[in-house]
Amino acid sequence: MSQVKNFSKILLCGLLLLAASCKDKNAPTASTQVDDPQWVVTVENNLSLSMTMVVKVTVASEGTLAAFIGNACCGIGEPIEGGLYNLYISPASENGGDVQLRFYAPEKKRIYVATELFPFSNNGIKGSLTEPYTPLWVNE
């Protein structure tokens, strides 16, 4: 009978150790969590130099979508519904540049970046309500 008790204790200890070593690989750690960057548009909106987008965000249910050309924030998305955002982009210069999308997910306290940059296109439209632009996102 004592062998059964010892075996039960060993089995229980092994299960506890196994459970303690298993972690959600996608769970944020203290080193990957960041405070809300509170992005603001740092360029002047120019109606004659602009681009609009409908973007689908798949990494979180809510948050802040922003567009950057270099280090300049040139657009903040307005949530529509179901992970869709309307985004108006106005670059700092007539040369435009490559646009980088970033998304802050407050429930995860993470910033995600779109893996694909795309060139600013004056009067351009990228995505629609029926076919939104849906980039791949990675943790910054």
N, C-alpha and C. Protein backbone atom coordinates (compact mmCIF):
# COMPACT_ATOMS: atom_id res chain seq x y z
N MET A 1 0.82 -1.19 0.00
CA MET A 1 0.00 0.00 0.00
C MET A 1 0.86 1.26 0.00
N SER A 2 2.00 1.22 0.73
CA SER A 2 2.89 2.39 0.76
C SER A 2 3.51 2.64 -0.60
N GLN A 3 3.70 1.59 -1.40
CA GLN A 3 4.24 1.78 -2.74
C GLN A 3 3.25 2.55 -3.61
N VAL A 4 1.96 2.29 -3.45
CA VAL A 4 0.93 2.99 -4.21
C VAL A 4 0.92 4.47 -3.82
N LYS A 5 1.02 4.76 -2.51
CA LYS A 5 1.05 6.15 -2.05
C LYS A 5 2.28 6.87 -2.60
N ASN A 6 3.44 6.20 -2.55
CA ASN A 6 4.66 6.81 -3.07
C ASN A 6 4.55 7.08 -4.57
N PHE A 7 4.01 6.12 -5.31
CA PHE A 7 3.82 6.27 -6.74
C PHE A 7 2.87 7.43 -7.03
N SER A 8 1.80 7.55 -6.25
CA SER A 8 0.83 8.64 -6.43
C SER A 8 1.49 9.99 -6.18
N LYS A 9 2.34 10.07 -5.14
CA LYS A 9 3.03 11.32 -4.84
C LYS A 9 4.00 11.69 -5.96
N ILE A 10 4.74 10.70 -6.44
CA ILE A 10 5.70 10.94 -7.53
C ILE A 10 4.95 11.38 -8.79
N LEU A 11 3.85 10.74 -9.10
CA LEU A 11 3.05 11.08 -10.28
C LEU A 11 2.50 12.50 -10.14
N LEU A 12 2.00 12.84 -8.97
CA LEU A 12 1.47 14.18 -8.73
C LEU A 12 2.56 15.24 -8.87
N CYS A 13 3.73 14.98 -8.31
CA CYS A 13 4.85 15.92 -8.43
C CYS A 13 5.26 16.10 -9.90
N GLY A 14 5.30 15.01 -10.63
CA GLY A 14 5.66 15.07 -12.05
C GLY A 14 4.66 15.89 -12.84
N LEU A 15 3.38 15.71 -12.57
CA LEU A 15 2.34 16.48 -13.27
C LEU A 15 2.42 17.97 -12.93
N LEU A 16 2.70 18.27 -11.66
CA LEU A 16 2.83 19.67 -11.26
C LEU A 16 4.03 20.33 -11.94
N LEU A 17 5.14 19.61 -12.02
CA LEU A 17 6.32 20.14 -12.70
C LEU A 17 6.05 20.35 -14.18
N LEU A 18 5.36 19.42 -14.80
CA LEU A 18 5.02 19.51 -16.22
C LEU A 18 4.11 20.72 -16.45
N ALA A 19 3.11 20.89 -15.61
CA ALA A 19 2.19 22.01 -15.76
C ALA A 19 2.91 23.34 -15.57
N ALA A 20 3.84 23.39 -14.63
CA ALA A 20 4.57 24.63 -14.37
C ALA A 20 5.49 24.99 -15.54
N SER A 21 5.97 24.00 -16.27
CA SER A 21 6.89 24.28 -17.37
C SER A 21 6.17 24.60 -18.67
N CYS A 22 4.87 24.34 -18.75
CA CYS A 22 4.10 24.63 -19.96
C CYS A 22 3.59 26.06 -19.90
N LYS A 23 3.90 26.84 -20.91
CA LYS A 23 3.45 28.21 -20.98
C LYS A 23 2.86 28.46 -22.34
N ASP A 24 1.96 29.39 -22.39
CA ASP A 24 1.41 29.84 -23.66
C ASP A 24 2.50 30.61 -24.39
N LYS A 25 2.91 30.11 -25.54
CA LYS A 25 4.00 30.75 -26.28
C LYS A 25 3.62 32.13 -26.78
N ASN A 26 2.30 32.40 -26.90
CA ASN A 26 1.85 33.70 -27.38
C ASN A 26 1.52 34.66 -26.25
N ALA A 27 1.62 34.20 -25.01
CA ALA A 27 1.33 35.08 -23.88
C ALA A 27 2.43 36.12 -23.75
N PRO A 28 2.04 37.39 -23.59
CA PRO A 28 3.08 38.42 -23.47
C PRO A 28 3.86 38.27 -22.18
N THR A 29 5.13 38.54 -22.26
CA THR A 29 5.97 38.55 -21.07
C THR A 29 6.23 40.00 -20.70
N ALA A 30 6.75 40.20 -19.53
CA ALA A 30 7.03 41.57 -19.08
C ALA A 30 7.95 42.29 -20.06
N SER A 31 8.86 41.56 -20.70
CA SER A 31 9.81 42.20 -21.61
C SER A 31 9.18 42.59 -22.94
N THR A 32 8.04 41.96 -23.33
CA THR A 32 7.41 42.31 -24.60
C THR A 32 6.23 43.25 -24.42
N GLN A 33 5.78 43.45 -23.20
CA GLN A 33 4.65 44.35 -22.96
C GLN A 33 5.12 45.80 -22.99
N VAL A 34 4.31 46.65 -23.61
CA VAL A 34 4.63 48.07 -23.69
C VAL A 34 3.38 48.89 -23.35
N ASP A 35 3.60 50.08 -22.87
CA ASP A 35 2.50 50.99 -22.62
C ASP A 35 1.99 51.56 -23.93
N ASP A 36 0.78 52.07 -23.91
CA ASP A 36 0.17 52.67 -25.08
C ASP A 36 1.08 53.79 -25.61
N PRO A 37 1.51 53.69 -26.87
CA PRO A 37 2.40 54.72 -27.42
C PRO A 37 1.68 56.05 -27.66
N GLN A 38 0.35 56.03 -27.64
CA GLN A 38 -0.46 57.24 -27.84
C GLN A 38 0.02 58.02 -29.06
N TRP A 39 0.03 57.33 -30.19
CA TRP A 39 0.46 57.94 -31.43
C TRP A 39 -0.43 59.13 -31.78
N VAL A 40 0.17 60.15 -32.33
CA VAL A 40 -0.55 61.31 -32.87
C VAL A 40 0.05 61.63 -34.23
N VAL A 41 -0.79 62.14 -35.11
CA VAL A 41 -0.32 62.51 -36.44
C VAL A 41 0.63 63.69 -36.29
N THR A 42 1.83 63.53 -36.83
CA THR A 42 2.87 64.56 -36.69
C THR A 42 3.08 65.36 -37.96
N VAL A 43 2.26 65.11 -38.97
CA VAL A 43 2.36 65.88 -40.22
C VAL A 43 1.04 66.62 -40.44
N GLU A 44 1.10 67.68 -41.22
CA GLU A 44 -0.10 68.45 -41.50
C GLU A 44 -0.93 67.72 -42.55
N ASN A 45 -2.23 67.58 -42.28
CA ASN A 45 -3.12 66.95 -43.26
C ASN A 45 -3.22 67.82 -44.49
N ASN A 46 -2.98 67.21 -45.64
CA ASN A 46 -3.03 67.92 -46.90
C ASN A 46 -4.02 67.17 -47.80
N LEU A 47 -5.19 67.77 -48.00
CA LEU A 47 -6.23 67.09 -48.78
C LEU A 47 -5.81 66.80 -50.21
N SER A 48 -4.89 67.60 -50.75
CA SER A 48 -4.45 67.36 -52.13
C SER A 48 -3.34 66.31 -52.20
N LEU A 49 -2.86 65.86 -51.06
CA LEU A 49 -1.81 64.85 -51.02
C LEU A 49 -2.23 63.81 -49.97
N SER A 50 -3.03 62.84 -50.40
CA SER A 50 -3.57 61.89 -49.43
C SER A 50 -3.90 60.55 -50.08
N MET A 51 -4.09 59.58 -49.22
CA MET A 51 -4.41 58.22 -49.62
C MET A 51 -5.37 57.67 -48.56
N THR A 52 -6.32 56.86 -48.96
CA THR A 52 -7.24 56.25 -47.99
C THR A 52 -7.16 54.73 -48.08
N MET A 53 -7.43 54.11 -46.95
CA MET A 53 -7.35 52.65 -46.87
C MET A 53 -8.47 52.11 -46.00
N VAL A 54 -8.85 50.88 -46.25
CA VAL A 54 -9.65 50.10 -45.32
C VAL A 54 -8.77 48.90 -44.96
N VAL A 55 -8.43 48.80 -43.68
CA VAL A 55 -7.47 47.81 -43.21
C VAL A 55 -8.16 46.84 -42.26
N LYS A 56 -7.89 45.56 -42.43
CA LYS A 56 -8.38 44.53 -41.51
C LYS A 56 -7.24 44.16 -40.57
N VAL A 57 -7.49 44.28 -39.26
CA VAL A 57 -6.51 43.92 -38.25
C VAL A 57 -6.92 42.58 -37.67
N THR A 58 -6.01 41.62 -37.69
CA THR A 58 -6.34 40.26 -37.26
C THR A 58 -5.67 39.84 -35.96
N VAL A 59 -4.82 40.70 -35.39
CA VAL A 59 -4.06 40.30 -34.20
C VAL A 59 -4.76 40.61 -32.89
N ALA A 60 -5.78 41.46 -32.93
CA ALA A 60 -6.50 41.82 -31.71
C ALA A 60 -7.88 42.34 -32.08
N SER A 61 -8.78 42.34 -31.12
CA SER A 61 -10.14 42.79 -31.41
C SER A 61 -10.28 44.31 -31.37
N GLU A 62 -9.39 45.00 -30.66
CA GLU A 62 -9.44 46.45 -30.63
C GLU A 62 -8.06 47.02 -30.35
N GLY A 63 -7.89 48.28 -30.71
CA GLY A 63 -6.60 48.92 -30.48
C GLY A 63 -6.47 50.16 -31.35
N THR A 64 -5.22 50.56 -31.59
CA THR A 64 -4.93 51.75 -32.37
C THR A 64 -4.09 51.39 -33.58
N LEU A 65 -4.60 51.76 -34.76
CA LEU A 65 -3.88 51.54 -36.01
C LEU A 65 -3.26 52.86 -36.43
N ALA A 66 -1.99 52.84 -36.81
CA ALA A 66 -1.30 54.05 -37.26
C ALA A 66 -0.45 53.75 -38.48
N ALA A 67 -0.29 54.78 -39.33
CA ALA A 67 0.55 54.68 -40.52
C ALA A 67 1.76 55.59 -40.33
N PHE A 68 2.92 55.08 -40.73
CA PHE A 68 4.16 55.84 -40.60
C PHE A 68 4.90 55.85 -41.94
N ILE A 69 5.51 56.98 -42.23
CA ILE A 69 6.49 57.06 -43.31
C ILE A 69 7.76 57.52 -42.62
N GLY A 70 8.73 56.63 -42.55
CA GLY A 70 9.90 56.88 -41.72
C GLY A 70 9.45 56.92 -40.27
N ASN A 71 9.85 57.94 -39.54
CA ASN A 71 9.44 58.07 -38.14
C ASN A 71 8.23 58.98 -37.97
N ALA A 72 7.70 59.52 -39.07
CA ALA A 72 6.58 60.45 -38.99
C ALA A 72 5.25 59.69 -39.03
N CYS A 73 4.42 59.93 -38.03
CA CYS A 73 3.07 59.35 -38.02
C CYS A 73 2.22 60.18 -38.96
N CYS A 74 1.72 59.55 -40.01
CA CYS A 74 0.98 60.28 -41.04
C CYS A 74 -0.47 59.83 -41.16
N GLY A 75 -0.96 59.08 -40.16
CA GLY A 75 -2.37 58.70 -40.16
C GLY A 75 -2.71 57.80 -38.99
N ILE A 76 -3.91 58.02 -38.42
CA ILE A 76 -4.44 57.17 -37.35
C ILE A 76 -5.76 56.61 -37.85
N GLY A 77 -5.94 55.31 -37.73
CA GLY A 77 -7.14 54.66 -38.22
C GLY A 77 -8.34 54.88 -37.31
N GLU A 78 -9.50 54.95 -37.93
CA GLU A 78 -10.77 55.03 -37.21
C GLU A 78 -11.43 53.65 -37.27
N PRO A 79 -11.77 53.07 -36.10
CA PRO A 79 -12.40 51.75 -36.13
C PRO A 79 -13.76 51.81 -36.82
N ILE A 80 -14.03 50.80 -37.63
CA ILE A 80 -15.34 50.69 -38.28
C ILE A 80 -16.14 49.63 -37.53
N GLU A 81 -15.76 48.38 -37.70
CA GLU A 81 -16.37 47.25 -36.98
C GLU A 81 -15.64 45.98 -37.36
N GLY A 82 -15.69 44.99 -36.48
CA GLY A 82 -15.12 43.68 -36.78
C GLY A 82 -13.67 43.68 -37.19
N GLY A 83 -12.85 44.54 -36.57
CA GLY A 83 -11.43 44.58 -36.89
C GLY A 83 -11.10 45.42 -38.11
N LEU A 84 -12.10 46.10 -38.69
CA LEU A 84 -11.85 46.97 -39.84
C LEU A 84 -11.58 48.40 -39.37
N TYR A 85 -10.63 49.04 -40.06
CA TYR A 85 -10.27 50.42 -39.75
C TYR A 85 -10.23 51.23 -41.04
N ASN A 86 -10.75 52.45 -40.98
CA ASN A 86 -10.63 53.40 -42.07
C ASN A 86 -9.39 54.24 -41.77
N LEU A 87 -8.49 54.35 -42.72
CA LEU A 87 -7.21 55.03 -42.50
C LEU A 87 -6.98 56.07 -43.58
N TYR A 88 -6.75 57.31 -43.15
CA TYR A 88 -6.44 58.42 -44.03
C TYR A 88 -4.97 58.76 -43.83
N ILE A 89 -4.20 58.75 -44.91
CA ILE A 89 -2.76 58.98 -44.83
C ILE A 89 -2.40 60.24 -45.61
N SER A 90 -1.62 61.10 -44.96
CA SER A 90 -1.12 62.31 -45.61
C SER A 90 0.35 62.45 -45.25
N PRO A 91 1.26 62.27 -46.22
CA PRO A 91 2.69 62.29 -45.91
C PRO A 91 3.23 63.70 -45.64
N ALA A 92 4.41 63.74 -45.07
CA ALA A 92 5.06 65.02 -44.74
C ALA A 92 5.57 65.74 -45.98
N SER A 93 5.91 64.99 -47.03
CA SER A 93 6.45 65.64 -48.23
C SER A 93 5.76 65.09 -49.47
N GLU A 94 5.89 65.83 -50.55
CA GLU A 94 5.28 65.40 -51.82
C GLU A 94 5.91 64.13 -52.36
N ASN A 95 7.10 63.81 -51.89
CA ASN A 95 7.78 62.59 -52.33
C ASN A 95 7.11 61.34 -51.77
N GLY A 96 6.29 61.52 -50.74
CA GLY A 96 5.62 60.37 -50.14
C GLY A 96 6.62 59.49 -49.43
N GLY A 97 6.72 58.25 -49.87
CA GLY A 97 7.63 57.28 -49.26
C GLY A 97 6.92 55.97 -49.01
N ASP A 98 7.62 55.07 -48.38
CA ASP A 98 7.04 53.76 -48.05
C ASP A 98 6.27 53.85 -46.74
N VAL A 99 5.07 53.30 -46.74
CA VAL A 99 4.18 53.34 -45.58
C VAL A 99 4.35 52.06 -44.77
N GLN A 100 4.48 52.22 -43.46
CA GLN A 100 4.58 51.11 -42.51
C GLN A 100 3.38 51.22 -41.57
N LEU A 101 2.60 50.15 -41.47
CA LEU A 101 1.47 50.14 -40.55
C LEU A 101 1.89 49.54 -39.22
N ARG A 102 1.40 50.14 -38.14
CA ARG A 102 1.64 49.62 -36.78
C ARG A 102 0.30 49.57 -36.06
N PHE A 103 0.19 48.60 -35.16
CA PHE A 103 -1.05 48.43 -34.41
C PHE A 103 -0.72 48.18 -32.95
N TYR A 104 -1.33 48.96 -32.07
CA TYR A 104 -1.16 48.75 -30.64
C TYR A 104 -2.39 48.03 -30.11
N ALA A 105 -2.17 46.85 -29.49
CA ALA A 105 -3.24 46.05 -28.89
C ALA A 105 -3.20 46.23 -27.37
N PRO A 106 -4.12 47.03 -26.79
CA PRO A 106 -4.05 47.31 -25.36
C PRO A 106 -4.24 46.08 -24.47
N GLU A 107 -5.09 45.13 -24.88
CA GLU A 107 -5.30 43.96 -24.02
C GLU A 107 -4.06 43.07 -23.95
N LYS A 108 -3.23 43.13 -24.98
CA LYS A 108 -1.99 42.35 -24.98
C LYS A 108 -0.78 43.21 -24.61
N LYS A 109 -1.00 44.53 -24.61
CA LYS A 109 0.09 45.48 -24.35
C LYS A 109 1.27 45.23 -25.29
N ARG A 110 0.95 45.10 -26.58
CA ARG A 110 1.96 44.85 -27.60
C ARG A 110 1.76 45.76 -28.80
N ILE A 111 2.87 46.03 -29.48
CA ILE A 111 2.82 46.73 -30.75
C ILE A 111 3.13 45.71 -31.84
N TYR A 112 2.28 45.69 -32.85
CA TYR A 112 2.48 44.82 -34.01
C TYR A 112 2.79 45.69 -35.22
N VAL A 113 3.63 45.19 -36.11
CA VAL A 113 3.93 45.89 -37.35
C VAL A 113 3.55 45.00 -38.52
N ALA A 114 3.07 45.64 -39.58
CA ALA A 114 2.76 44.90 -40.80
C ALA A 114 4.07 44.50 -41.45
N THR A 115 4.13 43.27 -41.95
CA THR A 115 5.38 42.78 -42.54
C THR A 115 5.68 43.42 -43.89
N GLU A 116 4.66 43.95 -44.54
CA GLU A 116 4.83 44.53 -45.87
C GLU A 116 4.74 46.05 -45.82
N LEU A 117 5.72 46.72 -46.36
CA LEU A 117 5.64 48.16 -46.58
C LEU A 117 5.09 48.36 -47.99
N PHE A 118 4.43 49.47 -48.21
CA PHE A 118 3.91 49.76 -49.54
C PHE A 118 4.13 51.23 -49.84
N PRO A 119 4.27 51.59 -51.12
CA PRO A 119 4.53 52.99 -51.46
C PRO A 119 3.27 53.84 -51.31
N PHE A 120 3.45 55.05 -50.80
CA PHE A 120 2.35 56.01 -50.75
C PHE A 120 1.93 56.31 -52.18
N SER A 121 0.62 56.37 -52.41
CA SER A 121 0.09 56.66 -53.74
C SER A 121 -0.92 57.80 -53.60
N ASN A 122 -0.56 58.98 -54.13
CA ASN A 122 -1.46 60.12 -54.01
C ASN A 122 -2.81 59.81 -54.65
N ASN A 123 -3.88 60.14 -53.95
CA ASN A 123 -5.26 59.85 -54.35
C ASN A 123 -5.53 58.35 -54.44
N GLY A 124 -4.63 57.55 -53.89
CA GLY A 124 -4.79 56.10 -53.95
C GLY A 124 -5.79 55.59 -52.93
N ILE A 125 -6.33 54.44 -53.25
CA ILE A 125 -7.25 53.73 -52.35
C ILE A 125 -6.73 52.31 -52.25
N LYS A 126 -6.59 51.84 -51.03
CA LYS A 126 -6.10 50.47 -50.82
C LYS A 126 -7.10 49.78 -49.90
N GLY A 127 -7.74 48.74 -50.39
CA GLY A 127 -8.74 48.01 -49.62
C GLY A 127 -10.11 48.65 -49.72
N SER A 128 -11.11 47.86 -49.36
CA SER A 128 -12.50 48.32 -49.36
C SER A 128 -13.24 47.59 -48.24
N LEU A 129 -14.48 47.96 -48.01
CA LEU A 129 -15.26 47.27 -46.97
C LEU A 129 -15.45 45.79 -47.30
N THR A 130 -15.63 45.48 -48.58
CA THR A 130 -15.83 44.09 -48.97
C THR A 130 -14.52 43.33 -49.16
N GLU A 131 -13.45 44.04 -49.50
CA GLU A 131 -12.14 43.42 -49.67
C GLU A 131 -11.08 44.30 -49.00
N PRO A 132 -11.02 44.25 -47.66
CA PRO A 132 -10.06 45.12 -46.97
C PRO A 132 -8.62 44.66 -47.19
N TYR A 133 -7.71 45.61 -47.05
CA TYR A 133 -6.29 45.29 -47.07
C TYR A 133 -6.00 44.57 -45.76
N THR A 134 -5.46 43.36 -45.85
CA THR A 134 -5.24 42.52 -44.66
C THR A 134 -3.78 42.11 -44.60
N PRO A 135 -2.95 42.93 -43.96
CA PRO A 135 -1.53 42.60 -43.88
C PRO A 135 -1.25 41.50 -42.86
N LEU A 136 -0.08 40.91 -42.96
CA LEU A 136 0.41 40.00 -41.92
C LEU A 136 1.07 40.86 -40.86
N TRP A 137 0.90 40.49 -39.61
CA TRP A 137 1.43 41.29 -38.49
C TRP A 137 2.44 40.47 -37.70
N VAL A 138 3.49 41.14 -37.22
CA VAL A 138 4.46 40.51 -36.33
C VAL A 138 4.65 41.42 -35.12
N ASN A 139 5.01 40.80 -34.02
CA ASN A 139 5.27 41.56 -32.80
C ASN A 139 6.52 42.42 -32.99
N GLU A 140 6.43 43.69 -32.64
CA GLU A 140 7.57 44.59 -32.81
C GLU A 140 8.62 44.30 -31.78
